[in-house]
Amino acid sequence: QVQLAESGGGSVQAGGSLRLSCGVSGGRSRIYVMGWFRQAPGKEREFVAAISGSGDSIVYADSVKGRFTLSRDNVKKELYLQMNSAKPEDTAGYYCAADQSLVQASRNRREYKYWGRGTKVIVSS
C-alpha cells in the first residue's frame, strides 16, 4: 500500500516562502504521477500542480503559475512544492496525491488514487 506523508507547512507572511515536501513509502518500486492539491475551509479541493513520473512534464494552476515550483526526486521518493510570493489566498490544507495508472500529469483530483493527510499553510497579510 502506497503511503504519502506531507511536511513543511506552517505560517508565513504575505510575500514570503515555504517549501512543502511529500515522502512516498510502500507500494511497488514504480514511478507515479504526483500532484499537489489544496483545500481552504468551506471550499472544494482544488488543483495546484502536477508532475509526470519522469519530471519532464509539469502543469500548474493559473493561480500559482510563476510563484510555485514543483519538483521531484525519484531516488529519494520525494515531491516538493516551493511556494514563493505567498498570498493570503494560498491559505489552505495542502495535500499530496499520487497515482500509478496515469501516464501524464493530471489536474483532476478524481484520477488520483493515493492521498496524504495534508499539511496546513497559513499566509497572513
PDB file of N, CA and C in Angstrom:
ATOM      1  N   GLN A   1       0.838  -1.193   0.000  1.00  0.00           N
ATOM      2  CA  GLN A   1       0.000   0.000   0.000  1.00  0.00           C
ATOM      3  C   GLN A   1       0.879   1.251   0.000  1.00  0.00           C
ATOM      4  N   VAL A   2       0.613   2.141  -0.932  1.00  0.00           N
ATOM      5  CA  VAL A   2       1.374   3.384  -1.017  1.00  0.00           C
ATOM      6  C   VAL A   2       0.934   4.340   0.079  1.00  0.00           C
ATOM      7  N   GLN A   3       1.891   4.945   0.726  1.00  0.00           N
ATOM      8  CA  GLN A   3       1.596   5.952   1.738  1.00  0.00           C
ATOM      9  C   GLN A   3       2.323   7.245   1.391  1.00  0.00           C
ATOM     10  N   LEU A   4       1.626   8.348   1.548  1.00  0.00           N
ATOM     11  CA  LEU A   4       2.177   9.668   1.281  1.00  0.00           C
ATOM     12  C   LEU A   4       2.168  10.479   2.567  1.00  0.00           C
ATOM     13  N   ALA A   5       3.252  11.184   2.836  1.00  0.00           N
ATOM     14  CA  ALA A   5       3.346  11.977   4.063  1.00  0.00           C
ATOM     15  C   ALA A   5       3.868  13.369   3.720  1.00  0.00           C
ATOM     16  N   GLU A   6       3.036  14.377   3.965  1.00  0.00           N
ATOM     17  CA  GLU A   6       3.421  15.752   3.692  1.00  0.00           C
ATOM     18  C   GLU A   6       4.108  16.371   4.902  1.00  0.00           C
ATOM     19  N   SER A   7       4.954  17.351   4.627  1.00  0.00           N
ATOM     20  CA  SER A   7       5.596  18.124   5.693  1.00  0.00           C
ATOM     21  C   SER A   7       5.953  19.492   5.143  1.00  0.00           C
ATOM     22  N   GLY A   8       6.300  20.395   6.049  1.00  0.00           N
ATOM     23  CA  GLY A   8       6.770  21.706   5.623  1.00  0.00           C
ATOM     24  C   GLY A   8       5.751  22.825   5.724  1.00  0.00           C
ATOM     25  N   GLY A   9       4.528  22.488   6.095  1.00  0.00           N
ATOM     26  CA  GLY A   9       3.526  23.537   6.244  1.00  0.00           C
ATOM     27  C   GLY A   9       3.832  24.431   7.429  1.00  0.00           C
ATOM     28  N   GLY A  10       3.134  25.563   7.504  1.00  0.00           N
ATOM     29  CA  GLY A  10       3.335  26.480   8.604  1.00  0.00           C
ATOM     30  C   GLY A  10       2.749  27.831   8.287  1.00  0.00           C
ATOM     31  N   SER A  11       3.181  28.828   9.025  1.00  0.00           N
ATOM     32  CA  SER A  11       2.679  30.191   8.848  1.00  0.00           C
ATOM     33  C   SER A  11       3.760  31.058   8.219  1.00  0.00           C
ATOM     34  N   VAL A  12       3.328  31.917   7.325  1.00  0.00           N
ATOM     35  CA  VAL A  12       4.257  32.818   6.652  1.00  0.00           C
ATOM     36  C   VAL A  12       3.522  34.102   6.330  1.00  0.00           C
ATOM     37  N   GLN A  13       4.241  35.188   6.285  1.00  0.00           N
ATOM     38  CA  GLN A  13       3.624  36.454   5.907  1.00  0.00           C
ATOM     39  C   GLN A  13       3.525  36.550   4.386  1.00  0.00           C
ATOM     40  N   ALA A  14       2.600  37.354   3.933  1.00  0.00           N
ATOM     41  CA  ALA A  14       2.429  37.566   2.502  1.00  0.00           C
ATOM     42  C   ALA A  14       3.755  38.012   1.886  1.00  0.00           C
ATOM     43  N   GLY A  15       4.068  37.416   0.755  1.00  0.00           N
ATOM     44  CA  GLY A  15       5.331  37.689   0.091  1.00  0.00           C
ATOM     45  C   GLY A  15       6.441  36.743   0.471  1.00  0.00           C
ATOM     46  N   GLY A  16       6.213  35.947   1.500  1.00  0.00           N
ATOM     47  CA  GLY A  16       7.222  35.018   1.973  1.00  0.00           C
ATOM     48  C   GLY A  16       7.202  33.703   1.224  1.00  0.00           C
ATOM     49  N   SER A  17       8.032  32.756   1.695  1.00  0.00           N
ATOM     50  CA  SER A  17       8.197  31.475   1.021  1.00  0.00           C
ATOM     51  C   SER A  17       8.063  30.312   1.985  1.00  0.00           C
ATOM     52  N   LEU A  18       7.619  29.195   1.433  1.00  0.00           N
ATOM     53  CA  LEU A  18       7.559  27.921   2.152  1.00  0.00           C
ATOM     54  C   LEU A  18       7.907  26.820   1.177  1.00  0.00           C
ATOM     55  N   ARG A  19       8.449  25.727   1.698  1.00  0.00           N
ATOM     56  CA  ARG A  19       8.724  24.569   0.855  1.00  0.00           C
ATOM     57  C   ARG A  19       8.028  23.364   1.449  1.00  0.00           C
ATOM     58  N   LEU A  20       7.103  22.816   0.705  1.00  0.00           N
ATOM     59  CA  LEU A  20       6.395  21.616   1.132  1.00  0.00           C
ATOM     60  C   LEU A  20       7.086  20.391   0.555  1.00  0.00           C
ATOM     61  N   SER A  21       7.069  19.308   1.328  1.00  0.00           N
ATOM     62  CA  SER A  21       7.633  18.045   0.870  1.00  0.00           C
ATOM     63  C   SER A  21       6.601  16.944   1.026  1.00  0.00           C
ATOM     64  N   CYS A  22       6.722  15.938   0.197  1.00  0.00           N
ATOM     65  CA  CYS A  22       5.854  14.762   0.285  1.00  0.00           C
ATOM     66  C   CYS A  22       6.716  13.536   0.081  1.00  0.00           C
ATOM     67  N   GLY A  23       6.767  12.680   1.102  1.00  0.00           N
ATOM     68  CA  GLY A  23       7.534  11.458   1.007  1.00  0.00           C
ATOM     69  C   GLY A  23       6.645  10.287   0.627  1.00  0.00           C
ATOM     70  N   VAL A  24       7.147   9.392  -0.216  1.00  0.00           N
ATOM     71  CA  VAL A  24       6.405   8.226  -0.688  1.00  0.00           C
ATOM     72  C   VAL A  24       7.015   6.968  -0.079  1.00  0.00           C
ATOM     73  N   SER A  25       6.164   6.121   0.472  1.00  0.00           N
ATOM     74  CA  SER A  25       6.636   4.842   1.011  1.00  0.00           C
ATOM     75  C   SER A  25       5.654   3.754   0.631  1.00  0.00           C
ATOM     76  N   GLY A  26       6.119   2.501   0.710  1.00  0.00           N
ATOM     77  CA  GLY A  26       5.241   1.378   0.392  1.00  0.00           C
ATOM     78  C   GLY A  26       5.040   1.227  -1.099  1.00  0.00           C
ATOM     79  N   GLY A  27       4.227   0.291  -1.466  1.00  0.00           N
ATOM     80  CA  GLY A  27       3.919   0.060  -2.865  1.00  0.00           C
ATOM     81  C   GLY A  27       5.089  -0.565  -3.605  1.00  0.00           C
ATOM     82  N   ARG A  28       4.915  -0.737  -4.888  1.00  0.00           N
ATOM     83  CA  ARG A  28       5.960  -1.301  -5.715  1.00  0.00           C
ATOM     84  C   ARG A  28       6.966  -0.225  -6.086  1.00  0.00           C
ATOM     85  N   SER A  29       8.103  -0.706  -6.548  1.00  0.00           N
ATOM     86  CA  SER A  29       9.113   0.248  -6.982  1.00  0.00           C
ATOM     87  C   SER A  29       8.704   0.790  -8.349  1.00  0.00           C
ATOM     88  N   ARG A  30       7.901   1.811  -8.342  1.00  0.00           N
ATOM     89  CA  ARG A  30       7.350   2.349  -9.581  1.00  0.00           C
ATOM     90  C   ARG A  30       7.217   3.849  -9.449  1.00  0.00           C
ATOM     91  N   ILE A  31       7.439   4.534 -10.519  1.00  0.00           N
ATOM     92  CA  ILE A  31       7.324   5.975 -10.506  1.00  0.00           C
ATOM     93  C   ILE A  31       5.880   6.363 -10.778  1.00  0.00           C
ATOM     94  N   TYR A  32       5.358   7.209  -9.944  1.00  0.00           N
ATOM     95  CA  TYR A  32       3.975   7.621 -10.042  1.00  0.00           C
ATOM     96  C   TYR A  32       3.852   9.049 -10.546  1.00  0.00           C
ATOM     97  N   VAL A  33       2.783   9.328 -11.245  1.00  0.00           N
ATOM     98  CA  VAL A  33       2.398  10.712 -11.470  1.00  0.00           C
ATOM     99  C   VAL A  33       1.971  11.270 -10.121  1.00  0.00           C
ATOM    100  N   MET A  34       2.421  12.480  -9.803  1.00  0.00           N
ATOM    101  CA  MET A  34       2.121  13.038  -8.494  1.00  0.00           C
ATOM    102  C   MET A  34       1.656  14.480  -8.639  1.00  0.00           C
ATOM    103  N   GLY A  35       0.965  14.924  -7.620  1.00  0.00           N
ATOM    104  CA  GLY A  35       0.470  16.295  -7.660  1.00  0.00           C
ATOM    105  C   GLY A  35       0.192  16.840  -6.278  1.00  0.00           C
ATOM    106  N   TRP A  36      -0.038  18.142  -6.248  1.00  0.00           N
ATOM    107  CA  TRP A  36      -0.465  18.825  -5.032  1.00  0.00           C
ATOM    108  C   TRP A  36      -1.847  19.426  -5.279  1.00  0.00           C
ATOM    109  N   PHE A  37      -2.687  19.298  -4.289  1.00  0.00           N
ATOM    110  CA  PHE A  37      -3.997  19.921  -4.276  1.00  0.00           C
ATOM    111  C   PHE A  37      -4.136  20.675  -2.963  1.00  0.00           C
ATOM    112  N   ARG A  38      -5.068  21.598  -2.916  1.00  0.00           N
ATOM    113  CA  ARG A  38      -5.271  22.339  -1.670  1.00  0.00           C
ATOM    114  C   ARG A  38      -6.763  22.541  -1.429  1.00  0.00           C
ATOM    115  N   GLN A  39      -7.074  22.698  -0.155  1.00  0.00           N
ATOM    116  CA  GLN A  39      -8.474  22.878   0.230  1.00  0.00           C
ATOM    117  C   GLN A  39      -8.571  23.901   1.339  1.00  0.00           C
ATOM    118  N   ALA A  40      -9.226  24.998   1.045  1.00  0.00           N
ATOM    119  CA  ALA A  40      -9.476  26.033   2.044  1.00  0.00           C
ATOM    120  C   ALA A  40     -10.781  25.718   2.766  1.00  0.00           C
ATOM    121  N   PRO A  41     -10.949  26.215   3.983  1.00  0.00           N
ATOM    122  CA  PRO A  41     -12.184  25.943   4.740  1.00  0.00           C
ATOM    123  C   PRO A  41     -13.418  26.335   3.949  1.00  0.00           C
ATOM    124  N   GLY A  42     -14.364  25.413   3.856  1.00  0.00           N
ATOM    125  CA  GLY A  42     -15.615  25.696   3.173  1.00  0.00           C
ATOM    126  C   GLY A  42     -15.547  25.627   1.664  1.00  0.00           C
ATOM    127  N   LYS A  43     -14.406  25.238   1.124  1.00  0.00           N
ATOM    128  CA  LYS A  43     -14.249  25.178  -0.324  1.00  0.00           C
ATOM    129  C   LYS A  43     -13.878  23.772  -0.765  1.00  0.00           C
ATOM    130  N   GLU A  44     -14.064  23.531  -2.060  1.00  0.00           N
ATOM    131  CA  GLU A  44     -13.691  22.230  -2.592  1.00  0.00           C
ATOM    132  C   GLU A  44     -12.171  22.139  -2.759  1.00  0.00           C
ATOM    133  N   ARG A  45     -11.692  20.903  -2.785  1.00  0.00           N
ATOM    134  CA  ARG A  45     -10.277  20.695  -3.012  1.00  0.00           C
ATOM    135  C   ARG A  45      -9.946  21.066  -4.457  1.00  0.00           C
ATOM    136  N   GLU A  46      -8.892  21.857  -4.627  1.00  0.00           N
ATOM    137  CA  GLU A  46      -8.551  22.333  -5.957  1.00  0.00           C
ATOM    138  C   GLU A  46      -7.121  21.972  -6.339  1.00  0.00           C
ATOM    139  N   PHE A  47      -6.914  21.885  -7.626  1.00  0.00           N
ATOM    140  CA  PHE A  47      -5.622  21.534  -8.189  1.00  0.00           C
ATOM    141  C   PHE A  47      -4.618  22.667  -7.985  1.00  0.00           C
ATOM    142  N   VAL A  48      -3.373  22.290  -7.681  1.00  0.00           N
ATOM    143  CA  VAL A  48      -2.294  23.255  -7.563  1.00  0.00           C
ATOM    144  C   VAL A  48      -1.240  23.001  -8.639  1.00  0.00           C
ATOM    145  N   ALA A  49      -0.691  21.793  -8.666  1.00  0.00           N
ATOM    146  CA  ALA A  49       0.356  21.461  -9.634  1.00  0.00           C
ATOM    147  C   ALA A  49       0.501  19.953  -9.710  1.00  0.00           C
ATOM    148  N   ALA A  50       0.974  19.455 -10.849  1.00  0.00           N
ATOM    149  CA  ALA A  50       1.197  18.025 -11.011  1.00  0.00           C
ATOM    150  C   ALA A  50       2.407  17.799 -11.898  1.00  0.00           C
ATOM    151  N   ILE A  51       3.027  16.621 -11.729  1.00  0.00           N
ATOM    152  CA  ILE A  51       4.270  16.323 -12.434  1.00  0.00           C
ATOM    153  C   ILE A  51       4.247  14.885 -12.929  1.00  0.00           C
ATOM    154  N   SER A  52       4.809  14.684 -14.109  1.00  0.00           N
ATOM    155  CA  SER A  52       4.877  13.340 -14.660  1.00  0.00           C
ATOM    156  C   SER A  52       5.905  12.506 -13.900  1.00  0.00           C
ATOM    157  N   GLY A  53       5.898  11.210 -14.162  1.00  0.00           N
ATOM    158  CA  GLY A  53       6.806  10.325 -13.465  1.00  0.00           C
ATOM    159  C   GLY A  53       8.279  10.666 -13.692  1.00  0.00           C
ATOM    160  N   SER A  54       8.608  11.074 -14.884  1.00  0.00           N
ATOM    161  CA  SER A  54       9.993  11.417 -15.199  1.00  0.00           C
ATOM    162  C   SER A  54      10.362  12.824 -14.753  1.00  0.00           C
ATOM    163  N   GLY A  55       9.348  13.635 -14.506  1.00  0.00           N
ATOM    164  CA  GLY A  55       9.596  15.017 -14.097  1.00  0.00           C
ATOM    165  C   GLY A  55       9.718  15.993 -15.239  1.00  0.00           C
ATOM    166  N   ASP A  56       9.560  15.509 -16.482  1.00  0.00           N
ATOM    167  CA  ASP A  56       9.767  16.410 -17.613  1.00  0.00           C
ATOM    168  C   ASP A  56       8.496  17.120 -18.060  1.00  0.00           C
ATOM    169  N   SER A  57       7.396  16.805 -17.418  1.00  0.00           N
ATOM    170  CA  SER A  57       6.135  17.481 -17.736  1.00  0.00           C
ATOM    171  C   SER A  57       5.487  17.951 -16.441  1.00  0.00           C
ATOM    172  N   ILE A  58       5.278  19.255 -16.325  1.00  0.00           N
ATOM    173  CA  ILE A  58       4.695  19.837 -15.116  1.00  0.00           C
ATOM    174  C   ILE A  58       3.567  20.786 -15.541  1.00  0.00           C
ATOM    175  N   VAL A  59       2.478  20.711 -14.816  1.00  0.00           N
ATOM    176  CA  VAL A  59       1.371  21.638 -15.061  1.00  0.00           C
ATOM    177  C   VAL A  59       1.022  22.355 -13.768  1.00  0.00           C
ATOM    178  N   TYR A  60       0.613  23.605 -13.905  1.00  0.00           N
ATOM    179  CA  TYR A  60       0.286  24.435 -12.753  1.00  0.00           C
ATOM    180  C   TYR A  60      -1.098  25.037 -12.915  1.00  0.00           C
ATOM    181  N   ALA A  61      -1.744  25.275 -11.781  1.00  0.00           N
ATOM    182  CA  ALA A  61      -2.957  26.078 -11.800  1.00  0.00           C
ATOM    183  C   ALA A  61      -2.568  27.515 -12.129  1.00  0.00           C
ATOM    184  N   ASP A  62      -3.424  28.219 -12.824  1.00  0.00           N
ATOM    185  CA  ASP A  62      -3.125  29.607 -13.184  1.00  0.00           C
ATOM    186  C   ASP A  62      -2.860  30.462 -11.956  1.00  0.00           C
ATOM    187  N   SER A  63      -3.511  30.142 -10.855  1.00  0.00           N
ATOM    188  CA  SER A  63      -3.397  30.955  -9.644  1.00  0.00           C
ATOM    189  C   SER A  63      -2.015  30.882  -8.997  1.00  0.00           C
ATOM    190  N   VAL A  64      -1.241  29.864  -9.331  1.00  0.00           N
ATOM    191  CA  VAL A  64       0.076  29.716  -8.713  1.00  0.00           C
ATOM    192  C   VAL A  64       1.209  29.788  -9.723  1.00  0.00           C
ATOM    193  N   LYS A  65       0.893  29.818 -10.993  1.00  0.00           N
ATOM    194  CA  LYS A  65       1.917  29.828 -12.038  1.00  0.00           C
ATOM    195  C   LYS A  65       2.818  31.044 -11.880  1.00  0.00           C
ATOM    196  N   GLY A  66       4.129  30.796 -11.922  1.00  0.00           N
ATOM    197  CA  GLY A  66       5.089  31.874 -11.755  1.00  0.00           C
ATOM    198  C   GLY A  66       5.501  32.116 -10.317  1.00  0.00           C
ATOM    199  N   ARG A  67       4.763  31.553  -9.376  1.00  0.00           N
ATOM    200  CA  ARG A  67       5.087  31.712  -7.953  1.00  0.00           C
ATOM    201  C   ARG A  67       5.501  30.391  -7.303  1.00  0.00           C
ATOM    202  N   PHE A  68       4.874  29.312  -7.711  1.00  0.00           N
ATOM    203  CA  PHE A  68       5.164  27.995  -7.141  1.00  0.00           C
ATOM    204  C   PHE A  68       5.992  27.185  -8.133  1.00  0.00           C
ATOM    205  N   THR A  69       6.869  26.339  -7.579  1.00  0.00           N
ATOM    206  CA  THR A  69       7.670  25.453  -8.420  1.00  0.00           C
ATOM    207  C   THR A  69       7.573  24.031  -7.887  1.00  0.00           C
ATOM    208  N   LEU A  70       7.176  23.131  -8.754  1.00  0.00           N
ATOM    209  CA  LEU A  70       7.037  21.720  -8.400  1.00  0.00           C
ATOM    210  C   LEU A  70       8.240  20.935  -8.908  1.00  0.00           C
ATOM    211  N   SER A  71       8.732  20.030  -8.074  1.00  0.00           N
ATOM    212  CA  SER A  71       9.853  19.189  -8.498  1.00  0.00           C
ATOM    213  C   SER A  71       9.772  17.867  -7.761  1.00  0.00           C
ATOM    214  N   ARG A  72      10.560  16.909  -8.209  1.00  0.00           N
ATOM    215  CA  ARG A  72      10.570  15.607  -7.562  1.00  0.00           C
ATOM    216  C   ARG A  72      11.973  15.020  -7.594  1.00  0.00           C
ATOM    217  N   ASP A  73      12.229  14.151  -6.628  1.00  0.00           N
ATOM    218  CA  ASP A  73      13.484  13.404  -6.559  1.00  0.00           C
ATOM    219  C   ASP A  73      13.091  11.939  -6.501  1.00  0.00           C
ATOM    220  N   ASN A  74      13.215  11.240  -7.612  1.00  0.00           N
ATOM    221  CA  ASN A  74      12.771   9.844  -7.665  1.00  0.00           C
ATOM    222  C   ASN A  74      13.684   8.898  -6.906  1.00  0.00           C
ATOM    223  N   VAL A  75      14.900   9.293  -6.659  1.00  0.00           N
ATOM    224  CA  VAL A  75      15.799   8.455  -5.853  1.00  0.00           C
ATOM    225  C   VAL A  75      15.363   8.508  -4.392  1.00  0.00           C
ATOM    226  N   LYS A  76      15.090   9.702  -3.919  1.00  0.00           N
ATOM    227  CA  LYS A  76      14.644   9.869  -2.534  1.00  0.00           C
ATOM    228  C   LYS A  76      13.152   9.589  -2.386  1.00  0.00           C
ATOM    229  N   LYS A  77      12.437   9.459  -3.502  1.00  0.00           N
ATOM    230  CA  LYS A  77      10.986   9.260  -3.492  1.00  0.00           C
ATOM    231  C   LYS A  77      10.284  10.411  -2.783  1.00  0.00           C
ATOM    232  N   GLU A  78      10.613  11.593  -3.216  1.00  0.00           N
ATOM    233  CA  GLU A  78      10.011  12.775  -2.609  1.00  0.00           C
ATOM    234  C   GLU A  78       9.530  13.755  -3.682  1.00  0.00           C
ATOM    235  N   LEU A  79       8.492  14.468  -3.307  1.00  0.00           N
ATOM    236  CA  LEU A  79       7.912  15.505  -4.148  1.00  0.00           C
ATOM    237  C   LEU A  79       8.006  16.818  -3.377  1.00  0.00           C
ATOM    238  N   TYR A  80       8.308  17.907  -4.094  1.00  0.00           N
ATOM    239  CA  TYR A  80       8.486  19.188  -3.438  1.00  0.00           C
ATOM    240  C   TYR A  80       7.612  20.252  -4.092  1.00  0.00           C
ATOM    241  N   LEU A  81       7.160  21.188  -3.271  1.00  0.00           N
ATOM    242  CA  LEU A  81       6.444  22.345  -3.790  1.00  0.00           C
ATOM    243  C   LEU A  81       7.063  23.588  -3.151  1.00  0.00           C
ATOM    244  N   GLN A  82       7.806  24.332  -3.934  1.00  0.00           N
ATOM    245  CA  GLN A  82       8.386  25.587  -3.469  1.00  0.00           C
ATOM    246  C   GLN A  82       7.370  26.697  -3.701  1.00  0.00           C
ATOM    247  N   MET A  83       6.961  27.312  -2.605  1.00  0.00           N
ATOM    248  CA  MET A  83       5.961  28.373  -2.661  1.00  0.00           C
ATOM    249  C   MET A  83       6.647  29.710  -2.419  1.00  0.00           C
ATOM    250  N   ASN A  84       6.681  30.545  -3.421  1.00  0.00           N
ATOM    251  CA  ASN A  84       7.256  31.884  -3.292  1.00  0.00           C
ATOM    252  C   ASN A  84       6.173  32.939  -3.483  1.00  0.00           C
ATOM    253  N   SER A  85       6.451  34.138  -3.047  1.00  0.00           N
ATOM    254  CA  SER A  85       5.498  35.254  -3.176  1.00  0.00           C
ATOM    255  C   SER A  85       4.116  34.836  -2.683  1.00  0.00           C
ATOM    256  N   ALA A  86       4.080  34.219  -1.516  1.00  0.00           N
ATOM    257  CA  ALA A  86       2.825  33.695  -0.981  1.00  0.00           C
ATOM    258  C   ALA A  86       1.790  34.807  -0.795  1.00  0.00           C
ATOM    259  N   LYS A  87       0.533  34.435  -0.999  1.00  0.00           N
ATOM    260  CA  LYS A  87      -0.583  35.354  -0.852  1.00  0.00           C
ATOM    261  C   LYS A  87      -1.564  34.799   0.183  1.00  0.00           C
ATOM    262  N   PRO A  88      -2.319  35.654   0.839  1.00  0.00           N
ATOM    263  CA  PRO A  88      -3.310  35.155   1.807  1.00  0.00           C
ATOM    264  C   PRO A  88      -4.262  34.128   1.194  1.00  0.00           C
ATOM    265  N   GLU A  89      -4.569  34.258  -0.069  1.00  0.00           N
ATOM    266  CA  GLU A  89      -5.471  33.294  -0.706  1.00  0.00           C
ATOM    267  C   GLU A  89      -4.832  31.927  -0.925  1.00  0.00           C
ATOM    268  N   ASP A  90      -3.535  31.794  -0.630  1.00  0.00           N
ATOM    269  CA  ASP A  90      -2.889  30.489  -0.671  1.00  0.00           C
ATOM    270  C   ASP A  90      -3.139  29.699   0.615  1.00  0.00           C
ATOM    271  N   THR A  91      -3.734  30.332   1.603  1.00  0.00           N
ATOM    272  CA  THR A  91      -4.028  29.660   2.866  1.00  0.00           C
ATOM    273  C   THR A  91      -4.962  28.480   2.640  1.00  0.00           C
ATOM    274  N   ALA A  92      -4.518  27.295   3.060  1.00  0.00           N
ATOM    275  CA  ALA A  92      -5.299  26.077   2.831  1.00  0.00           C
ATOM    276  C   ALA A  92      -4.552  24.891   3.410  1.00  0.00           C
ATOM    277  N   GLY A  93      -5.244  23.755   3.444  1.00  0.00           N
ATOM    278  CA  GLY A  93      -4.562  22.493   3.677  1.00  0.00           C
ATOM    279  C   GLY A  93      -4.034  22.007   2.339  1.00  0.00           C
ATOM    280  N   TYR A  94      -2.781  21.599   2.312  1.00  0.00           N
ATOM    281  CA  TYR A  94      -2.159  21.154   1.061  1.00  0.00           C
ATOM    282  C   TYR A  94      -1.991  19.634   1.117  1.00  0.00           C
ATOM    283  N   TYR A  95      -2.450  18.975   0.061  1.00  0.00           N
ATOM    284  CA  TYR A  95      -2.480  17.525   0.009  1.00  0.00           C
ATOM    285  C   TYR A  95      -1.653  17.007  -1.165  1.00  0.00           C
ATOM    286  N   CYS A  96      -0.836  16.018  -0.889  1.00  0.00           N
ATOM    287  CA  CYS A  96      -0.052  15.332  -1.902  1.00  0.00           C
ATOM    288  C   CYS A  96      -0.872  14.163  -2.450  1.00  0.00           C
ATOM    289  N   ALA A  97      -0.790  13.941  -3.739  1.00  0.00           N
ATOM    290  CA  ALA A  97      -1.541  12.858  -4.364  1.00  0.00           C
ATOM    291  C   ALA A  97      -0.653  12.110  -5.351  1.00  0.00           C
ATOM    292  N   ALA A  98      -0.957  10.839  -5.557  1.00  0.00           N
ATOM    293  CA  ALA A  98      -0.182  10.020  -6.495  1.00  0.00           C
ATOM    294  C   ALA A  98      -1.078   8.978  -7.137  1.00  0.00           C
ATOM    295  N   ASP A  99      -0.709   8.569  -8.324  1.00  0.00           N
ATOM    296  CA  ASP A  99      -1.447   7.500  -8.981  1.00  0.00           C
ATOM    297  C   ASP A  99      -0.518   6.724  -9.896  1.00  0.00           C
ATOM    298  N   GLN A 100      -0.702   5.408  -9.921  1.00  0.00           N
ATOM    299  CA  GLN A 100       0.190   4.549 -10.693  1.00  0.00           C
ATOM    300  C   GLN A 100      -0.319   4.273 -12.096  1.00  0.00           C
ATOM    301  N   SER A 101      -1.571   4.670 -12.374  1.00  0.00           N
ATOM    302  CA  SER A 101      -2.158   4.375 -13.676  1.00  0.00           C
ATOM    303  C   SER A 101      -2.048   5.541 -14.654  1.00  0.00           C
ATOM    304  N   LEU A 102      -1.897   6.733 -14.129  1.00  0.00           N
ATOM    305  CA  LEU A 102      -1.821   7.900 -15.003  1.00  0.00           C
ATOM    306  C   LEU A 102      -0.545   7.863 -15.844  1.00  0.00           C
ATOM    307  N   VAL A 103      -0.657   8.315 -17.072  1.00  0.00           N
ATOM    308  CA  VAL A 103       0.518   8.362 -17.937  1.00  0.00           C
ATOM    309  C   VAL A 103       1.030   9.779 -18.119  1.00  0.00           C
ATOM    310  N   GLN A 104       0.232  10.746 -17.673  1.00  0.00           N
ATOM    311  CA  GLN A 104       0.670  12.128 -17.725  1.00  0.00           C
ATOM    312  C   GLN A 104       0.078  12.875 -16.543  1.00  0.00           C
ATOM    313  N   ALA A 105       0.689  14.024 -16.238  1.00  0.00           N
ATOM    314  CA  ALA A 105       0.223  14.825 -15.115  1.00  0.00           C
ATOM    315  C   ALA A 105      -1.226  15.232 -15.332  1.00  0.00           C
ATOM    316  N   SER A 106      -2.007  15.120 -14.274  1.00  0.00           N
ATOM    317  CA  SER A 106      -3.437  15.391 -14.374  1.00  0.00           C
ATOM    318  C   SER A 106      -3.870  16.456 -13.376  1.00  0.00           C
ATOM    319  N   ARG A 107      -4.813  17.303 -13.809  1.00  0.00           N
ATOM    320  CA  ARG A 107      -5.399  18.326 -12.951  1.00  0.00           C
ATOM    321  C   ARG A 107      -6.627  17.810 -12.203  1.00  0.00           C
ATOM    322  N   ASN A 108      -7.083  16.622 -12.531  1.00  0.00           N
ATOM    323  CA  ASN A 108      -8.322  16.078 -12.000  1.00  0.00           C
ATOM    324  C   ASN A 108      -8.062  15.274 -10.733  1.00  0.00           C
ATOM    325  N   ARG A 109      -8.554  15.761  -9.615  1.00  0.00           N
ATOM    326  CA  ARG A 109      -8.268  15.103  -8.340  1.00  0.00           C
ATOM    327  C   ARG A 109      -8.892  13.710  -8.274  1.00  0.00           C
ATOM    328  N   ARG A 110      -9.942  13.485  -9.054  1.00  0.00           N
ATOM    329  CA  ARG A 110     -10.616  12.173  -9.019  1.00  0.00           C
ATOM    330  C   ARG A 110      -9.785  11.081  -9.699  1.00  0.00           C
ATOM    331  N   GLU A 111      -8.728  11.474 -10.386  1.00  0.00           N
ATOM    332  CA  GLU A 111      -7.891  10.486 -11.068  1.00  0.00           C
ATOM    333  C   GLU A 111      -6.745   9.981 -10.205  1.00  0.00           C
ATOM    334  N   TYR A 112      -6.608  10.545  -9.010  1.00  0.00           N
ATOM    335  CA  TYR A 112      -5.523  10.137  -8.119  1.00  0.00           C
ATOM    336  C   TYR A 112      -6.044   9.169  -7.062  1.00  0.00           C
ATOM    337  N   LYS A 113      -5.349   8.062  -6.922  1.00  0.00           N
ATOM    338  CA  LYS A 113      -5.792   7.021  -6.001  1.00  0.00           C
ATOM    339  C   LYS A 113      -5.248   7.239  -4.590  1.00  0.00           C
ATOM    340  N   TYR A 114      -4.032   7.699  -4.466  1.00  0.00           N
ATOM    341  CA  TYR A 114      -3.382   7.783  -3.160  1.00  0.00           C
ATOM    342  C   TYR A 114      -3.270   9.246  -2.718  1.00  0.00           C
ATOM    343  N   TRP A 115      -3.540   9.448  -1.431  1.00  0.00           N
ATOM    344  CA  TRP A 115      -3.538  10.790  -0.863  1.00  0.00           C
ATOM    345  C   TRP A 115      -2.849  10.809   0.488  1.00  0.00           C
ATOM    346  N   GLY A 116      -2.150  11.921   0.770  1.00  0.00           N
ATOM    347  CA  GLY A 116      -1.614  12.136   2.096  1.00  0.00           C
ATOM    348  C   GLY A 116      -2.662  12.770   2.996  1.00  0.00           C
ATOM    349  N   ARG A 117      -2.280  12.992   4.236  1.00  0.00           N
ATOM    350  CA  ARG A 117      -3.231  13.538   5.207  1.00  0.00           C
ATOM    351  C   ARG A 117      -3.231  15.054   5.222  1.00  0.00           C
ATOM    352  N   GLY A 118      -2.269  15.659   4.530  1.00  0.00           N
ATOM    353  CA  GLY A 118      -2.275  17.107   4.381  1.00  0.00           C
ATOM    354  C   GLY A 118      -1.367  17.828   5.356  1.00  0.00           C
ATOM    355  N   THR A 119      -0.978  19.021   4.951  1.00  0.00           N
ATOM    356  CA  THR A 119      -0.206  19.916   5.805  1.00  0.00           C
ATOM    357  C   THR A 119      -0.786  21.316   5.629  1.00  0.00           C
ATOM    358  N   LYS A 120      -0.907  22.043   6.734  1.00  0.00           N
ATOM    359  CA  LYS A 120      -1.602  23.317   6.704  1.00  0.00           C
ATOM    360  C   LYS A 120      -0.644  24.475   6.417  1.00  0.00           C
ATOM    361  N   VAL A 121      -1.096  25.357   5.538  1.00  0.00           N
ATOM    362  CA  VAL A 121      -0.345  26.562   5.196  1.00  0.00           C
ATOM    363  C   VAL A 121      -1.212  27.772   5.515  1.00  0.00           C
ATOM    364  N   ILE A 122      -0.659  28.695   6.269  1.00  0.00           N
ATOM    365  CA  ILE A 122      -1.373  29.933   6.609  1.00  0.00           C
ATOM    366  C   ILE A 122      -0.524  31.105   6.161  1.00  0.00           C
ATOM    367  N   VAL A 123      -1.099  31.945   5.320  1.00  0.00           N
ATOM    368  CA  VAL A 123      -0.410  33.137   4.839  1.00  0.00           C
ATOM    369  C   VAL A 123      -1.137  34.360   5.382  1.00  0.00           C
ATOM    370  N   SER A 124      -0.444  35.129   6.173  1.00  0.00           N
ATOM    371  CA  SER A 124      -1.048  36.299   6.790  1.00  0.00           C
ATOM    372  C   SER A 124      -0.680  37.562   6.020  1.00  0.00           C
ATOM    373  N   SER A 125      -1.613  38.492   6.012  1.00  0.00           N
ATOM    374  CA  SER A 125      -1.396  39.742   5.268  1.00  0.00           C
ATOM    375  C   SER A 125      -0.712  40.791   6.139  1.00  0.00           C
TER     376      SER A 125
END
